[in-house]
Amino acid sequence: MISETARWPAPAKLNLFLHVTGRRDDGYHTLQTVFQFVDWCDWLTFEINQTGDIRRTGNLKLADNDDLCLSAARLLQQTSQTRLGVSIHLEKNLPIGGGLGGGSSDAATTLLALNKLWQLAYSTEQLASLGLKLGADVPVFIHGQTAFAEGVGELLQAVQIDTPWFVILVPPVVVSTAAIFSDPQLTRSSPTITIRDLNESLLAADNKLGNDLEPVVRRRYPEVDEAIKWLSQFGRAKLTGSGACVFLPVVNREKAEEIADLCPPEMSCHIAKGLNEHPARAELLS
């Protein structure tokens, strides 16, 4: 039984590459990507109640319909028919609309923690299936491992890769994922690769794996274009997800700090360590 008083992390993810391989009849795009976690996190605490009431507090103001923590808790409550409720406190650190999966990660930590605190005993696969109803990125946070992903992002194969330090820039703009995926100039026919094609050079500066969304985002959002140009002075900078955040892997923390010290004042710069597992995977999936 996990502690009700503990703070639980909801880590960010980076898309080390992202290919759009097609478009389904329902309008969703098929993708190939690698999700890697980093140790930059939102933090959540949960106070269980007997009334069935579900609410959230914290430093993020969102309409209930846009709040993935509330949506996750209500979906799990409805599915399990538990009479228990919860007050969720969210310490929001990850930017909204940054391509770091913050909302999906918050939802996943909520599902994982409440599965324990409400003593529901749902399997990881059951929780991932529920999470997919909330967003395509939620299942990878439920499974809690760096993964090669296909489909809409829900078909996952765990992989072990290098865990470098990353410099992550946050341009002063929120990117609309829907607008990027509906752009007529978006590449939607990248050839598929196999997991065997993912080799040790994935994180190398000269690897050929990119992000198909990047040209569209850079054209529509000059702030992102400027961030990539600036960070590319130090290596091959890439967009994560649909942006706005861009990242660069570096050899050590000292190099990351050296770059961060030079960051333009109009951008926010963060240093994070790559992870191959969700930082609370052992506790939340045991």
C-alpha atoms as a PDB file:
ATOM      1  CA  MET A   1       0.000   0.000   0.000  1.00  0.00           C
ATOM      2  CA  ILE A   2       1.520   3.325  -1.014  1.00  0.00           C
ATOM      3  CA  SER A   3       1.436   6.301   1.314  1.00  0.00           C
ATOM      4  CA  GLU A   4      -1.385   8.791   0.943  1.00  0.00           C
ATOM      5  CA  THR A   5       0.940  11.560   2.117  1.00  0.00           C
ATOM      6  CA  ALA A   6       3.677  10.941  -0.477  1.00  0.00           C
ATOM      7  CA  ARG A   7       4.386  13.280  -3.386  1.00  0.00           C
ATOM      8  CA  TRP A   8       4.378  11.372  -6.665  1.00  0.00           C
ATOM      9  CA  PRO A   9       6.269  12.476  -9.786  1.00  0.00           C
ATOM     10  CA  ALA A  10       4.803  12.934 -13.245  1.00  0.00           C
ATOM     11  CA  PRO A  11       7.893  13.130 -15.460  1.00  0.00           C
ATOM     12  CA  ALA A  12       8.278  14.842 -18.818  1.00  0.00           C
ATOM     13  CA  LYS A  13       9.007  12.866 -21.970  1.00  0.00           C
ATOM     14  CA  LEU A  14      11.030  13.685 -25.041  1.00  0.00           C
ATOM     15  CA  ASN A  15      10.357  12.337 -28.527  1.00  0.00           C
ATOM     16  CA  LEU A  16      13.860  11.418 -29.677  1.00  0.00           C
ATOM     17  CA  PHE A  17      12.421  11.217 -33.186  1.00  0.00           C
ATOM     18  CA  LEU A  18       8.885  11.340 -34.568  1.00  0.00           C
ATOM     19  CA  HIS A  19       7.752  10.077 -37.986  1.00  0.00           C
ATOM     20  CA  VAL A  20       4.211  10.450 -39.292  1.00  0.00           C
ATOM     21  CA  THR A  21       3.596   7.290 -41.313  1.00  0.00           C
ATOM     22  CA  GLY A  22      -0.044   7.659 -42.329  1.00  0.00           C
ATOM     23  CA  ARG A  23      -3.535   8.815 -41.503  1.00  0.00           C
ATOM     24  CA  ARG A  24      -6.358   6.535 -40.408  1.00  0.00           C
ATOM     25  CA  ASP A  25      -9.961   6.730 -41.567  1.00  0.00           C
ATOM     26  CA  ASP A  26     -10.937   8.214 -38.206  1.00  0.00           C
ATOM     27  CA  GLY A  27      -8.567  11.134 -38.781  1.00  0.00           C
ATOM     28  CA  TYR A  28      -5.892  10.070 -36.307  1.00  0.00           C
ATOM     29  CA  HIS A  29      -2.324   9.927 -37.570  1.00  0.00           C
ATOM     30  CA  THR A  30      -0.126   6.861 -37.268  1.00  0.00           C
ATOM     31  CA  LEU A  31       3.335   7.507 -35.858  1.00  0.00           C
ATOM     32  CA  GLN A  32       6.650   6.002 -35.022  1.00  0.00           C
ATOM     33  CA  THR A  33       8.641   7.533 -32.200  1.00  0.00           C
ATOM     34  CA  VAL A  34      10.858   6.852 -29.220  1.00  0.00           C
ATOM     35  CA  PHE A  35       9.658   8.207 -25.888  1.00  0.00           C
ATOM     36  CA  GLN A  36      12.338   8.848 -23.284  1.00  0.00           C
ATOM     37  CA  PHE A  37      11.604  10.167 -19.805  1.00  0.00           C
ATOM     38  CA  VAL A  38      13.596  12.910 -18.090  1.00  0.00           C
ATOM     39  CA  ASP A  39      13.789  13.871 -14.430  1.00  0.00           C
ATOM     40  CA  TRP A  40      11.901  17.154 -14.857  1.00  0.00           C
ATOM     41  CA  CYS A  41       8.532  16.498 -13.214  1.00  0.00           C
ATOM     42  CA  ASP A  42       5.180  17.737 -12.055  1.00  0.00           C
ATOM     43  CA  TRP A  43       4.363  16.499  -8.539  1.00  0.00           C
ATOM     44  CA  LEU A  44       1.055  15.174  -7.215  1.00  0.00           C
ATOM     45  CA  THR A  45      -0.359  14.311  -3.802  1.00  0.00           C
ATOM     46  CA  PHE A  46      -3.656  12.535  -3.136  1.00  0.00           C
ATOM     47  CA  GLU A  47      -6.019  12.773  -0.168  1.00  0.00           C
ATOM     48  CA  ILE A  48      -8.658  10.057  -0.228  1.00  0.00           C
ATOM     49  CA  ASN A  49     -12.188  10.768   1.018  1.00  0.00           C
ATOM     50  CA  GLN A  50     -15.290   8.671   1.706  1.00  0.00           C
ATOM     51  CA  THR A  51     -17.725  11.075   0.045  1.00  0.00           C
ATOM     52  CA  GLY A  52     -16.928  10.256  -3.578  1.00  0.00           C
ATOM     53  CA  ASP A  53     -16.012  13.880  -4.289  1.00  0.00           C
ATOM     54  CA  ILE A  54     -13.196  14.456  -6.781  1.00  0.00           C
ATOM     55  CA  ARG A  55     -11.432  17.799  -6.906  1.00  0.00           C
ATOM     56  CA  ARG A  56      -8.031  19.268  -7.686  1.00  0.00           C
ATOM     57  CA  THR A  57      -6.011  22.047  -6.107  1.00  0.00           C
ATOM     58  CA  GLY A  58      -2.657  23.535  -7.022  1.00  0.00           C
ATOM     59  CA  ASN A  59      -0.987  26.166  -9.156  1.00  0.00           C
ATOM     60  CA  LEU A  60      -2.698  25.313 -12.460  1.00  0.00           C
ATOM     61  CA  LYS A  61      -6.001  26.891 -13.432  1.00  0.00           C
ATOM     62  CA  LEU A  62      -7.915  24.879 -16.041  1.00  0.00           C
ATOM     63  CA  ALA A  63     -11.545  24.295 -16.925  1.00  0.00           C
ATOM     64  CA  ASP A  64     -12.716  20.929 -15.581  1.00  0.00           C
ATOM     65  CA  ASN A  65     -13.121  19.522 -19.097  1.00  0.00           C
ATOM     66  CA  ASP A  66      -9.470  20.308 -19.880  1.00  0.00           C
ATOM     67  CA  ASP A  67      -8.086  18.946 -16.605  1.00  0.00           C
ATOM     68  CA  LEU A  68      -6.601  15.494 -17.260  1.00  0.00           C
ATOM     69  CA  CYS A  69      -6.079  14.806 -13.551  1.00  0.00           C
ATOM     70  CA  LEU A  70      -9.808  15.201 -12.927  1.00  0.00           C
ATOM     71  CA  SER A  71     -10.670  13.277 -16.095  1.00  0.00           C
ATOM     72  CA  ALA A  72      -8.405  10.391 -15.085  1.00  0.00           C
ATOM     73  CA  ALA A  73      -9.787  10.186 -11.547  1.00  0.00           C
ATOM     74  CA  ARG A  74     -13.398  10.360 -12.730  1.00  0.00           C
ATOM     75  CA  LEU A  75     -12.832   7.732 -15.427  1.00  0.00           C
ATOM     76  CA  LEU A  76     -11.263   5.338 -12.919  1.00  0.00           C
ATOM     77  CA  GLN A  77     -14.005   6.011 -10.379  1.00  0.00           C
ATOM     78  CA  GLN A  78     -16.729   5.400 -12.955  1.00  0.00           C
ATOM     79  CA  THR A  79     -15.091   2.267 -14.349  1.00  0.00           C
ATOM     80  CA  SER A  80     -14.433   0.705 -10.946  1.00  0.00           C
ATOM     81  CA  GLN A  81     -17.672   1.964  -9.369  1.00  0.00           C
ATOM     82  CA  THR A  82     -15.766   2.787  -6.200  1.00  0.00           C
ATOM     83  CA  ARG A  83     -17.489   5.045  -3.696  1.00  0.00           C
ATOM     84  CA  LEU A  84     -14.230   6.666  -2.728  1.00  0.00           C
ATOM     85  CA  GLY A  85     -13.173  10.126  -3.857  1.00  0.00           C
ATOM     86  CA  VAL A  86      -9.979  12.124  -3.823  1.00  0.00           C
ATOM     87  CA  SER A  87      -8.526  15.581  -3.515  1.00  0.00           C
ATOM     88  CA  ILE A  88      -5.574  15.904  -5.900  1.00  0.00           C
ATOM     89  CA  HIS A  89      -2.934  18.554  -5.343  1.00  0.00           C
ATOM     90  CA  LEU A  90      -0.875  19.306  -8.449  1.00  0.00           C
ATOM     91  CA  GLU A  91       2.419  21.168  -8.361  1.00  0.00           C
ATOM     92  CA  LYS A  92       2.737  22.116 -12.027  1.00  0.00           C
ATOM     93  CA  ASN A  93       6.280  22.591 -13.329  1.00  0.00           C
ATOM     94  CA  LEU A  94       6.072  21.375 -16.931  1.00  0.00           C
ATOM     95  CA  PRO A  95       4.888  23.892 -19.540  1.00  0.00           C
ATOM     96  CA  ILE A  96       1.502  23.513 -21.191  1.00  0.00           C
ATOM     97  CA  GLY A  97       1.684  23.070 -24.956  1.00  0.00           C
ATOM     98  CA  GLY A  98       5.378  22.249 -24.807  1.00  0.00           C
ATOM     99  CA  GLY A  99       5.403  18.750 -26.299  1.00  0.00           C
ATOM    100  CA  LEU A 100       6.674  17.265 -23.032  1.00  0.00           C
ATOM    101  CA  GLY A 101       3.524  15.268 -22.275  1.00  0.00           C
ATOM    102  CA  GLY A 102       2.892  16.967 -18.955  1.00  0.00           C
ATOM    103  CA  GLY A 103      -0.877  16.591 -18.944  1.00  0.00           C
ATOM    104  CA  SER A 104      -0.662  12.958 -20.059  1.00  0.00           C
ATOM    105  CA  SER A 105       1.944  12.249 -17.398  1.00  0.00           C
ATOM    106  CA  ASP A 106      -0.259  13.857 -14.726  1.00  0.00           C
ATOM    107  CA  ALA A 107      -3.158  11.654 -15.845  1.00  0.00           C
ATOM    108  CA  ALA A 108      -1.008   8.526 -15.752  1.00  0.00           C
ATOM    109  CA  THR A 109       0.322   9.211 -12.253  1.00  0.00           C
ATOM    110  CA  THR A 110      -3.250   9.839 -11.127  1.00  0.00           C
ATOM    111  CA  LEU A 111      -4.424   6.491 -12.522  1.00  0.00           C
ATOM    112  CA  LEU A 112      -1.451   4.610 -11.074  1.00  0.00           C
ATOM    113  CA  ALA A 113      -1.656   6.181  -7.627  1.00  0.00           C
ATOM    114  CA  LEU A 114      -5.436   5.881  -7.273  1.00  0.00           C
ATOM    115  CA  ASN A 115      -5.319   2.263  -8.383  1.00  0.00           C
ATOM    116  CA  LYS A 116      -3.218   1.700  -5.261  1.00  0.00           C
ATOM    117  CA  LEU A 117      -4.947   4.101  -2.893  1.00  0.00           C
ATOM    118  CA  TRP A 118      -8.441   2.941  -3.853  1.00  0.00           C
ATOM    119  CA  GLN A 119      -7.200  -0.695  -3.716  1.00  0.00           C
ATOM    120  CA  LEU A 120      -8.602  -1.533  -7.142  1.00  0.00           C
ATOM    121  CA  ALA A 121      -5.928  -4.007  -8.328  1.00  0.00           C
ATOM    122  CA  TYR A 122      -6.228  -3.101 -12.000  1.00  0.00           C
ATOM    123  CA  SER A 123      -3.424  -4.477 -14.160  1.00  0.00           C
ATOM    124  CA  THR A 124      -0.977  -2.246 -16.007  1.00  0.00           C
ATOM    125  CA  GLU A 125      -2.661  -3.215 -19.285  1.00  0.00           C
ATOM    126  CA  GLN A 126      -6.098  -2.258 -17.936  1.00  0.00           C
ATOM    127  CA  LEU A 127      -4.808   1.109 -16.745  1.00  0.00           C
ATOM    128  CA  ALA A 128      -3.087   1.735 -20.079  1.00  0.00           C
ATOM    129  CA  SER A 129      -6.339   0.973 -21.898  1.00  0.00           C
ATOM    130  CA  LEU A 130      -8.149   3.515 -19.720  1.00  0.00           C
ATOM    131  CA  GLY A 131      -5.346   6.006 -20.231  1.00  0.00           C
ATOM    132  CA  LEU A 132      -5.637   5.749 -24.007  1.00  0.00           C
ATOM    133  CA  LYS A 133      -9.151   7.165 -23.711  1.00  0.00           C
ATOM    134  CA  LEU A 134      -7.598  10.295 -22.226  1.00  0.00           C
ATOM    135  CA  GLY A 135      -4.756  10.740 -24.717  1.00  0.00           C
ATOM    136  CA  ALA A 136      -2.392   8.823 -26.980  1.00  0.00           C
ATOM    137  CA  ASP A 137       0.641   9.617 -24.795  1.00  0.00           C
ATOM    138  CA  VAL A 138      -0.862   8.353 -21.533  1.00  0.00           C
ATOM    139  CA  PRO A 139      -0.070   4.610 -21.998  1.00  0.00           C
ATOM    140  CA  VAL A 140       3.703   5.129 -22.192  1.00  0.00           C
ATOM    141  CA  PHE A 141       3.624   6.867 -18.794  1.00  0.00           C
ATOM    142  CA  ILE A 142       1.485   4.033 -17.399  1.00  0.00           C
ATOM    143  CA  HIS A 143       3.974   1.385 -18.534  1.00  0.00           C
ATOM    144  CA  GLY A 144       6.788   3.588 -17.268  1.00  0.00           C
ATOM    145  CA  GLN A 145       9.598   2.554 -19.603  1.00  0.00           C
ATOM    146  CA  THR A 146      11.456   4.211 -22.454  1.00  0.00           C
ATOM    147  CA  ALA A 147       9.730   2.820 -25.520  1.00  0.00           C
ATOM    148  CA  PHE A 148       9.626   2.545 -29.278  1.00  0.00           C
ATOM    149  CA  ALA A 149       6.027   3.482 -30.104  1.00  0.00           C
ATOM    150  CA  GLU A 150       3.794   2.899 -33.108  1.00  0.00           C
ATOM    151  CA  GLY A 151       0.108   3.249 -33.951  1.00  0.00           C
ATOM    152  CA  VAL A 152      -1.114   6.545 -32.503  1.00  0.00           C
ATOM    153  CA  GLY A 153       1.580   6.130 -29.853  1.00  0.00           C
ATOM    154  CA  GLU A 154      -0.042   3.322 -27.883  1.00  0.00           C
ATOM    155  CA  LEU A 155       1.774   0.281 -29.357  1.00  0.00           C
ATOM    156  CA  LEU A 156       4.872   0.130 -27.195  1.00  0.00           C
ATOM    157  CA  GLN A 157       8.080  -1.894 -27.094  1.00  0.00           C
ATOM    158  CA  ALA A 158      10.366  -1.144 -24.165  1.00  0.00           C
ATOM    159  CA  VAL A 159      13.938  -0.237 -25.123  1.00  0.00           C
ATOM    160  CA  GLN A 160      17.103   0.491 -23.164  1.00  0.00           C
ATOM    161  CA  ILE A 161      19.079   3.401 -24.576  1.00  0.00           C
ATOM    162  CA  ASP A 162      21.627   5.956 -23.478  1.00  0.00           C
ATOM    163  CA  THR A 163      20.517   8.389 -20.771  1.00  0.00           C
ATOM    164  CA  PRO A 164      22.353  11.635 -21.482  1.00  0.00           C
ATOM    165  CA  TRP A 165      21.816  15.020 -19.971  1.00  0.00           C
ATOM    166  CA  PHE A 166      19.503  17.271 -21.976  1.00  0.00           C
ATOM    167  CA  VAL A 167      19.258  20.999 -22.453  1.00  0.00           C
ATOM    168  CA  ILE A 168      15.566  21.840 -22.977  1.00  0.00           C
ATOM    169  CA  LEU A 169      14.467  25.246 -24.238  1.00  0.00           C
ATOM    170  CA  VAL A 170      10.931  26.529 -23.700  1.00  0.00           C
ATOM    171  CA  PRO A 171      10.090  29.234 -26.267  1.00  0.00           C
ATOM    172  CA  PRO A 172       7.504  31.836 -25.185  1.00  0.00           C
ATOM    173  CA  VAL A 173       4.648  30.303 -27.185  1.00  0.00           C
ATOM    174  CA  VAL A 174       2.015  27.565 -26.867  1.00  0.00           C
ATOM    175  CA  VAL A 175       1.750  25.304 -29.928  1.00  0.00           C
ATOM    176  CA  SER A 176      -1.630  23.966 -31.072  1.00  0.00           C
ATOM    177  CA  THR A 177      -1.172  20.244 -31.723  1.00  0.00           C
ATOM    178  CA  ALA A 178      -4.427  20.092 -33.671  1.00  0.00           C
ATOM    179  CA  ALA A 179      -3.322  22.911 -35.960  1.00  0.00           C
ATOM    180  CA  ILE A 180      -0.005  21.192 -36.691  1.00  0.00           C
ATOM    181  CA  PHE A 181      -1.578  17.835 -37.543  1.00  0.00           C
ATOM    182  CA  SER A 182      -4.192  19.475 -39.766  1.00  0.00           C
ATOM    183  CA  ASP A 183      -1.654  21.550 -41.718  1.00  0.00           C
ATOM    184  CA  PRO A 184      -1.796  20.562 -45.418  1.00  0.00           C
ATOM    185  CA  GLN A 185       2.004  20.731 -45.696  1.00  0.00           C
ATOM    186  CA  LEU A 186       2.611  18.123 -42.996  1.00  0.00           C
ATOM    187  CA  THR A 187       4.489  15.036 -44.187  1.00  0.00           C
ATOM    188  CA  ARG A 188       2.206  12.044 -43.618  1.00  0.00           C
ATOM    189  CA  SER A 189       4.001   9.283 -45.506  1.00  0.00           C
ATOM    190  CA  SER A 190       7.369   8.692 -43.855  1.00  0.00           C
ATOM    191  CA  PRO A 191       8.569   5.134 -44.468  1.00  0.00           C
ATOM    192  CA  THR A 192       8.284   2.887 -41.439  1.00  0.00           C
ATOM    193  CA  ILE A 193      11.368   1.611 -39.671  1.00  0.00           C
ATOM    194  CA  THR A 194      11.851  -1.441 -37.493  1.00  0.00           C
ATOM    195  CA  ILE A 195      13.050  -1.494 -33.934  1.00  0.00           C
ATOM    196  CA  ARG A 196      16.264  -3.023 -35.265  1.00  0.00           C
ATOM    197  CA  ASP A 197      16.891   0.247 -37.096  1.00  0.00           C
ATOM    198  CA  LEU A 198      17.220   1.966 -33.730  1.00  0.00           C
ATOM    199  CA  ASN A 199      20.898   1.640 -32.990  1.00  0.00           C
ATOM    200  CA  GLU A 200      23.377   3.172 -30.618  1.00  0.00           C
ATOM    201  CA  SER A 201      23.645   6.282 -32.774  1.00  0.00           C
ATOM    202  CA  LEU A 202      20.063   7.356 -31.985  1.00  0.00           C
ATOM    203  CA  LEU A 203      21.248  10.168 -29.748  1.00  0.00           C
ATOM    204  CA  ALA A 204      24.316  11.032 -31.810  1.00  0.00           C
ATOM    205  CA  ALA A 205      24.539  14.451 -33.403  1.00  0.00           C
ATOM    206  CA  ASP A 206      24.734  12.963 -36.901  1.00  0.00           C
ATOM    207  CA  ASN A 207      21.806  10.532 -36.682  1.00  0.00           C
ATOM    208  CA  LYS A 208      19.226  10.858 -39.452  1.00  0.00           C
ATOM    209  CA  LEU A 209      16.099  10.408 -37.319  1.00  0.00           C
ATOM    210  CA  GLY A 210      14.122  13.651 -37.134  1.00  0.00           C
ATOM    211  CA  ASN A 211      10.677  15.014 -36.311  1.00  0.00           C
ATOM    212  CA  ASP A 212       8.237  15.287 -39.222  1.00  0.00           C
ATOM    213  CA  LEU A 213       6.280  17.973 -37.373  1.00  0.00           C
ATOM    214  CA  GLU A 214       9.273  20.265 -37.048  1.00  0.00           C
ATOM    215  CA  PRO A 215       9.127  22.032 -40.471  1.00  0.00           C
ATOM    216  CA  VAL A 216       5.456  22.902 -39.969  1.00  0.00           C
ATOM    217  CA  VAL A 217       5.981  24.113 -36.398  1.00  0.00           C
ATOM    218  CA  ARG A 218       8.980  26.230 -37.387  1.00  0.00           C
ATOM    219  CA  ARG A 219       7.042  27.848 -40.227  1.00  0.00           C
ATOM    220  CA  ARG A 220       4.003  28.620 -38.079  1.00  0.00           C
ATOM    221  CA  TYR A 221       5.823  29.606 -34.880  1.00  0.00           C
ATOM    222  CA  PRO A 222       8.874  31.840 -35.381  1.00  0.00           C
ATOM    223  CA  GLU A 223       9.716  31.559 -31.676  1.00  0.00           C
ATOM    224  CA  VAL A 224      10.306  27.817 -32.087  1.00  0.00           C
ATOM    225  CA  ASP A 225      12.381  28.414 -35.197  1.00  0.00           C
ATOM    226  CA  GLU A 226      14.581  30.837 -33.275  1.00  0.00           C
ATOM    227  CA  ALA A 227      14.986  28.391 -30.386  1.00  0.00           C
ATOM    228  CA  ILE A 228      16.118  25.592 -32.704  1.00  0.00           C
ATOM    229  CA  LYS A 229      18.535  27.896 -34.510  1.00  0.00           C
ATOM    230  CA  TRP A 230      20.051  29.073 -31.233  1.00  0.00           C
ATOM    231  CA  LEU A 231      20.395  25.607 -29.671  1.00  0.00           C
ATOM    232  CA  SER A 232      21.796  24.178 -32.917  1.00  0.00           C
ATOM    233  CA  GLN A 233      24.997  26.137 -32.306  1.00  0.00           C
ATOM    234  CA  PHE A 234      25.918  23.388 -29.847  1.00  0.00           C
ATOM    235  CA  GLY A 235      24.742  20.254 -31.710  1.00  0.00           C
ATOM    236  CA  ARG A 236      21.657  18.897 -33.439  1.00  0.00           C
ATOM    237  CA  ALA A 237      18.666  20.403 -31.663  1.00  0.00           C
ATOM    238  CA  LYS A 238      15.265  18.780 -32.152  1.00  0.00           C
ATOM    239  CA  LEU A 239      11.608  19.494 -31.506  1.00  0.00           C
ATOM    240  CA  THR A 240       9.806  17.212 -29.055  1.00  0.00           C
ATOM    241  CA  GLY A 241       6.265  16.174 -29.977  1.00  0.00           C
ATOM    242  CA  SER A 242       4.476  19.049 -31.663  1.00  0.00           C
ATOM    243  CA  GLY A 243       6.489  21.537 -29.594  1.00  0.00           C
ATOM    244  CA  ALA A 244       7.065  24.155 -28.500  1.00  0.00           C
ATOM    245  CA  CYS A 245      10.003  22.757 -26.518  1.00  0.00           C
ATOM    246  CA  VAL A 246      13.269  21.867 -28.225  1.00  0.00           C
ATOM    247  CA  PHE A 247      16.098  19.797 -26.800  1.00  0.00           C
ATOM    248  CA  LEU A 248      19.716  18.852 -27.223  1.00  0.00           C
ATOM    249  CA  PRO A 249      21.487  15.825 -25.696  1.00  0.00           C
ATOM    250  CA  VAL A 250      24.890  16.597 -24.182  1.00  0.00           C
ATOM    251  CA  VAL A 251      27.677  14.515 -22.671  1.00  0.00           C
ATOM    252  CA  ASN A 252      27.413  15.661 -19.058  1.00  0.00           C
ATOM    253  CA  ARG A 253      25.778  18.088 -16.653  1.00  0.00           C
ATOM    254  CA  GLU A 254      28.697  20.505 -16.864  1.00  0.00           C
ATOM    255  CA  LYS A 255      28.200  20.924 -20.619  1.00  0.00           C
ATOM    256  CA  ALA A 256      24.461  21.382 -20.092  1.00  0.00           C
ATOM    257  CA  GLU A 257      25.063  24.099 -17.502  1.00  0.00           C
ATOM    258  CA  GLU A 258      27.540  25.825 -19.801  1.00  0.00           C
ATOM    259  CA  ILE A 259      24.917  26.050 -22.556  1.00  0.00           C
ATOM    260  CA  ALA A 260      22.121  27.010 -20.160  1.00  0.00           C
ATOM    261  CA  ASP A 261      24.182  29.929 -18.857  1.00  0.00           C
ATOM    262  CA  LEU A 262      24.157  31.382 -22.387  1.00  0.00           C
ATOM    263  CA  CYS A 263      20.391  31.030 -22.879  1.00  0.00           C
ATOM    264  CA  PRO A 264      18.678  34.147 -24.344  1.00  0.00           C
ATOM    265  CA  PRO A 265      16.526  35.960 -21.764  1.00  0.00           C
ATOM    266  CA  GLU A 266      13.334  35.539 -23.807  1.00  0.00           C
ATOM    267  CA  MET A 267      13.524  31.748 -23.452  1.00  0.00           C
ATOM    268  CA  SER A 268      13.360  29.478 -20.441  1.00  0.00           C
ATOM    269  CA  CYS A 269      16.088  26.857 -20.223  1.00  0.00           C
ATOM    270  CA  HIS A 270      16.022  23.632 -18.198  1.00  0.00           C
ATOM    271  CA  ILE A 271      18.572  20.913 -17.579  1.00  0.00           C
ATOM    272  CA  ALA A 272      17.308  17.346 -17.165  1.00  0.00           C
ATOM    273  CA  LYS A 273      18.730  13.825 -16.989  1.00  0.00           C
ATOM    274  CA  GLY A 274      17.454  11.142 -19.313  1.00  0.00           C
ATOM    275  CA  LEU A 275      15.761   8.143 -17.677  1.00  0.00           C
ATOM    276  CA  ASN A 276      14.881   4.684 -18.947  1.00  0.00           C
ATOM    277  CA  GLU A 277      12.155   4.262 -16.310  1.00  0.00           C
ATOM    278  CA  HIS A 278       9.464   6.379 -14.727  1.00  0.00           C
ATOM    279  CA  PRO A 279      11.031   7.577 -11.431  1.00  0.00           C
ATOM    280  CA  ALA A 280       8.229   5.996  -9.367  1.00  0.00           C
ATOM    281  CA  ARG A 281       7.671   2.880 -11.490  1.00  0.00           C
ATOM    282  CA  ALA A 282       8.777   0.432  -8.807  1.00  0.00           C
ATOM    283  CA  GLU A 283       6.350   1.831  -6.210  1.00  0.00           C
ATOM    284  CA  LEU A 284       3.371   2.466  -8.459  1.00  0.00           C
ATOM    285  CA  LEU A 285       3.499  -0.794 -10.453  1.00  0.00           C
ATOM    286  CA  SER A 286       4.474  -3.193  -7.645  1.00  0.00           C
END
